[in-house]
């Protein structure tokens, strides 16, 4: 499975975005931001990459001031790879 992280520079923005996704029935979780995902607030929103187009649309409707970026999170052979989208 491939996951995407939405990384923000504030915890408030991260939690708001998670609630926005949940209101649209997108399963998501708050996780610690892994190393390599910029200098963020420390937590990120994790969701299935299948929902990335919807997440982008929802983000476009909100303030993007604290948004740092989307990152793809994939695990292969026990190793996690993080790539900015």
N, C-alpha and C. Protein backbone atom coordinates (compact mmCIF):
# COMPACT_ATOMS: atom_id res chain seq x y z
N UNK A 1 0.84 -1.18 0.00
CA UNK A 1 0.00 0.00 0.00
C UNK A 1 0.87 1.24 0.00
N UNK A 2 0.41 2.23 -0.68
CA UNK A 2 1.12 3.49 -0.76
C UNK A 2 0.35 4.54 0.04
N UNK A 3 1.08 5.29 0.83
CA UNK A 3 0.47 6.33 1.65
C UNK A 3 1.04 7.69 1.27
N UNK A 4 0.26 8.73 1.57
CA UNK A 4 0.70 10.09 1.38
C UNK A 4 0.63 10.81 2.71
N UNK A 5 1.59 11.69 2.95
CA UNK A 5 1.58 12.53 4.14
C UNK A 5 1.32 13.96 3.72
N UNK A 6 0.45 14.63 4.47
CA UNK A 6 0.26 16.07 4.32
C UNK A 6 1.02 16.69 5.48
N UNK A 7 2.01 17.50 5.14
CA UNK A 7 2.89 18.08 6.16
C UNK A 7 2.61 19.57 6.27
N UNK A 8 2.42 20.02 7.49
CA UNK A 8 2.13 21.42 7.77
C UNK A 8 3.16 21.97 8.75
N UNK A 9 3.24 23.30 8.83
CA UNK A 9 4.17 23.95 9.74
C UNK A 9 3.54 24.28 11.09
N UNK A 10 2.28 23.92 11.28
CA UNK A 10 1.65 24.14 12.58
C UNK A 10 0.75 22.95 12.92
N UNK A 11 0.70 22.65 14.20
CA UNK A 11 -0.15 21.55 14.66
C UNK A 11 -1.61 21.86 14.41
N UNK A 12 -2.00 23.11 14.60
CA UNK A 12 -3.39 23.51 14.39
C UNK A 12 -3.82 23.22 12.94
N UNK A 13 -2.99 23.58 11.98
CA UNK A 13 -3.30 23.34 10.57
C UNK A 13 -3.36 21.84 10.27
N UNK A 14 -2.46 21.08 10.89
CA UNK A 14 -2.45 19.63 10.69
C UNK A 14 -3.75 19.01 11.18
N UNK A 15 -4.15 19.37 12.39
CA UNK A 15 -5.38 18.81 12.96
C UNK A 15 -6.62 19.25 12.19
N UNK A 16 -6.63 20.50 11.73
CA UNK A 16 -7.77 20.97 10.93
C UNK A 16 -7.89 20.20 9.63
N UNK A 17 -6.75 19.94 8.97
CA UNK A 17 -6.79 19.22 7.71
C UNK A 17 -7.24 17.78 7.92
N UNK A 18 -6.80 17.15 9.00
CA UNK A 18 -7.25 15.79 9.32
C UNK A 18 -8.77 15.77 9.53
N UNK A 19 -9.28 16.74 10.24
CA UNK A 19 -10.74 16.81 10.44
C UNK A 19 -11.48 17.05 9.14
N UNK A 20 -10.91 17.86 8.26
CA UNK A 20 -11.52 18.11 6.96
C UNK A 20 -11.58 16.83 6.13
N UNK A 21 -10.49 16.06 6.11
CA UNK A 21 -10.49 14.78 5.40
C UNK A 21 -11.53 13.83 5.98
N UNK A 22 -11.58 13.75 7.31
CA UNK A 22 -12.54 12.86 7.96
C UNK A 22 -13.97 13.26 7.65
N UNK A 23 -14.23 14.56 7.53
CA UNK A 23 -15.58 15.02 7.21
C UNK A 23 -16.01 14.59 5.81
N UNK A 24 -15.03 14.28 4.96
CA UNK A 24 -15.31 13.80 3.61
C UNK A 24 -15.15 12.28 3.52
N UNK A 25 -15.12 11.62 4.68
CA UNK A 25 -15.04 10.16 4.79
C UNK A 25 -13.74 9.60 4.22
N UNK A 26 -12.66 10.37 4.34
CA UNK A 26 -11.33 9.90 3.94
C UNK A 26 -10.66 9.36 5.20
N UNK A 27 -10.36 8.07 5.23
CA UNK A 27 -9.68 7.53 6.41
C UNK A 27 -8.26 8.10 6.50
N UNK A 28 -7.93 8.61 7.66
CA UNK A 28 -6.60 9.20 7.85
C UNK A 28 -6.18 9.06 9.30
N UNK A 29 -4.91 9.33 9.54
CA UNK A 29 -4.36 9.25 10.89
C UNK A 29 -3.34 10.36 11.09
N UNK A 30 -3.20 10.78 12.33
CA UNK A 30 -2.16 11.72 12.70
C UNK A 30 -0.95 10.89 13.12
N UNK A 31 0.19 11.17 12.51
CA UNK A 31 1.42 10.43 12.85
C UNK A 31 2.55 11.41 13.09
N UNK A 32 3.61 10.93 13.72
CA UNK A 32 4.82 11.73 13.84
C UNK A 32 5.44 11.89 12.46
N UNK A 33 5.84 13.09 12.14
CA UNK A 33 6.47 13.34 10.84
C UNK A 33 7.82 12.65 10.79
N UNK A 34 8.02 11.80 9.78
CA UNK A 34 9.31 11.11 9.69
C UNK A 34 10.43 12.06 9.29
N UNK A 35 11.66 11.70 9.65
CA UNK A 35 12.80 12.53 9.23
C UNK A 35 12.85 12.62 7.70
N UNK A 36 13.23 13.75 7.21
CA UNK A 36 13.34 13.94 5.77
C UNK A 36 12.13 14.64 5.17
N UNK A 37 11.14 14.93 5.99
CA UNK A 37 9.94 15.62 5.50
C UNK A 37 9.97 17.08 5.91
N UNK A 38 11.08 17.73 5.68
CA UNK A 38 11.23 19.16 5.93
C UNK A 38 11.21 19.47 7.43
N UNK A 39 11.17 20.73 7.73
CA UNK A 39 11.11 21.18 9.13
C UNK A 39 9.66 21.53 9.43
N UNK A 40 8.92 20.53 9.80
CA UNK A 40 7.50 20.72 10.06
C UNK A 40 7.25 20.80 11.56
N UNK A 41 5.98 20.75 11.92
CA UNK A 41 5.60 20.90 13.32
C UNK A 41 5.78 19.62 14.13
N UNK A 42 6.07 18.52 13.47
CA UNK A 42 6.29 17.27 14.20
C UNK A 42 5.23 16.22 13.99
N UNK A 43 4.05 16.64 13.52
CA UNK A 43 2.99 15.69 13.21
C UNK A 43 2.49 15.93 11.79
N UNK A 44 1.99 14.86 11.18
CA UNK A 44 1.48 14.94 9.80
C UNK A 44 0.20 14.14 9.70
N UNK A 45 -0.51 14.34 8.59
CA UNK A 45 -1.72 13.57 8.31
C UNK A 45 -1.35 12.50 7.28
N UNK A 46 -1.63 11.25 7.63
CA UNK A 46 -1.33 10.12 6.75
C UNK A 46 -2.64 9.57 6.19
N UNK A 47 -2.66 9.36 4.86
CA UNK A 47 -3.84 8.79 4.21
C UNK A 47 -3.40 7.99 3.00
N UNK A 48 -4.28 7.13 2.50
CA UNK A 48 -3.98 6.34 1.31
C UNK A 48 -3.77 7.27 0.11
N UNK A 49 -2.78 6.97 -0.69
CA UNK A 49 -2.46 7.81 -1.85
C UNK A 49 -3.60 7.89 -2.86
N UNK A 50 -4.51 6.93 -2.82
CA UNK A 50 -5.68 6.97 -3.70
C UNK A 50 -6.51 8.23 -3.48
N UNK A 51 -6.42 8.81 -2.28
CA UNK A 51 -7.20 9.99 -1.93
C UNK A 51 -6.46 11.30 -2.19
N UNK A 52 -5.27 11.23 -2.78
CA UNK A 52 -4.48 12.45 -3.00
C UNK A 52 -5.20 13.50 -3.85
N UNK A 53 -5.86 13.13 -4.96
CA UNK A 53 -6.57 14.17 -5.73
C UNK A 53 -7.62 14.89 -4.89
N UNK A 54 -8.37 14.15 -4.06
CA UNK A 54 -9.38 14.77 -3.21
C UNK A 54 -8.71 15.67 -2.16
N UNK A 55 -7.61 15.20 -1.60
CA UNK A 55 -6.89 16.00 -0.60
C UNK A 55 -6.40 17.31 -1.20
N UNK A 56 -5.91 17.26 -2.43
CA UNK A 56 -5.46 18.48 -3.10
C UNK A 56 -6.61 19.46 -3.30
N UNK A 57 -7.77 18.93 -3.69
CA UNK A 57 -8.94 19.79 -3.87
C UNK A 57 -9.36 20.44 -2.56
N UNK A 58 -9.38 19.65 -1.50
CA UNK A 58 -9.77 20.18 -0.19
C UNK A 58 -8.77 21.23 0.29
N UNK A 59 -7.50 20.97 0.05
CA UNK A 59 -6.47 21.93 0.46
C UNK A 59 -6.61 23.24 -0.31
N UNK A 60 -6.96 23.16 -1.58
CA UNK A 60 -7.13 24.36 -2.40
C UNK A 60 -8.26 25.25 -1.89
N UNK A 61 -9.23 24.64 -1.19
CA UNK A 61 -10.37 25.40 -0.67
C UNK A 61 -10.07 26.03 0.69
N UNK A 62 -8.91 25.74 1.26
CA UNK A 62 -8.56 26.26 2.58
C UNK A 62 -7.31 27.13 2.48
N UNK A 63 -6.94 27.72 3.60
CA UNK A 63 -5.71 28.51 3.65
C UNK A 63 -4.51 27.58 3.56
N UNK A 64 -3.59 27.87 2.67
CA UNK A 64 -2.41 27.04 2.48
C UNK A 64 -1.17 27.66 3.11
N UNK A 65 -1.37 28.65 3.93
CA UNK A 65 -0.25 29.39 4.50
C UNK A 65 0.70 28.50 5.30
N UNK A 66 0.17 27.54 6.02
CA UNK A 66 1.00 26.67 6.86
C UNK A 66 1.32 25.33 6.22
N UNK A 67 0.93 25.15 4.96
CA UNK A 67 1.15 23.88 4.27
C UNK A 67 2.59 23.79 3.78
N UNK A 68 3.25 22.66 4.07
CA UNK A 68 4.64 22.47 3.64
C UNK A 68 4.73 21.59 2.40
N UNK A 69 3.84 20.60 2.26
CA UNK A 69 3.87 19.76 1.07
C UNK A 69 3.30 18.38 1.31
N UNK A 70 3.09 17.68 0.19
CA UNK A 70 2.67 16.28 0.24
C UNK A 70 3.90 15.41 0.00
N UNK A 71 3.95 14.31 0.71
CA UNK A 71 5.05 13.35 0.57
C UNK A 71 4.46 11.96 0.41
N UNK A 72 5.01 11.19 -0.51
CA UNK A 72 4.60 9.80 -0.68
C UNK A 72 5.43 8.95 0.27
N UNK A 73 4.73 8.05 0.94
CA UNK A 73 5.37 7.16 1.91
C UNK A 73 5.12 5.73 1.47
N UNK A 74 6.18 5.05 1.08
CA UNK A 74 6.05 3.67 0.61
C UNK A 74 7.04 2.78 1.35
N UNK A 75 6.61 1.58 1.72
CA UNK A 75 7.48 0.63 2.40
C UNK A 75 7.78 -0.51 1.44
N UNK A 76 9.05 -0.75 1.20
CA UNK A 76 9.50 -1.83 0.33
C UNK A 76 10.65 -2.56 0.99
N UNK A 77 10.51 -3.86 1.08
CA UNK A 77 11.56 -4.70 1.68
C UNK A 77 11.95 -4.20 3.08
N UNK A 78 10.95 -3.76 3.83
CA UNK A 78 11.21 -3.32 5.19
C UNK A 78 11.78 -1.92 5.32
N UNK A 79 11.98 -1.24 4.20
CA UNK A 79 12.53 0.12 4.23
C UNK A 79 11.46 1.11 3.80
N UNK A 80 11.39 2.23 4.48
CA UNK A 80 10.43 3.26 4.16
C UNK A 80 11.11 4.35 3.34
N UNK A 81 10.47 4.72 2.24
CA UNK A 81 11.00 5.75 1.36
C UNK A 81 10.03 6.92 1.36
N UNK A 82 10.56 8.13 1.50
CA UNK A 82 9.77 9.35 1.56
C UNK A 82 10.16 10.24 0.39
N UNK A 83 9.18 10.60 -0.45
CA UNK A 83 9.45 11.41 -1.64
C UNK A 83 8.43 12.53 -1.70
N UNK A 84 8.92 13.76 -1.90
CA UNK A 84 8.01 14.90 -2.03
C UNK A 84 7.24 14.79 -3.34
N UNK A 85 5.94 15.03 -3.26
CA UNK A 85 5.07 14.92 -4.45
C UNK A 85 5.08 16.25 -5.17
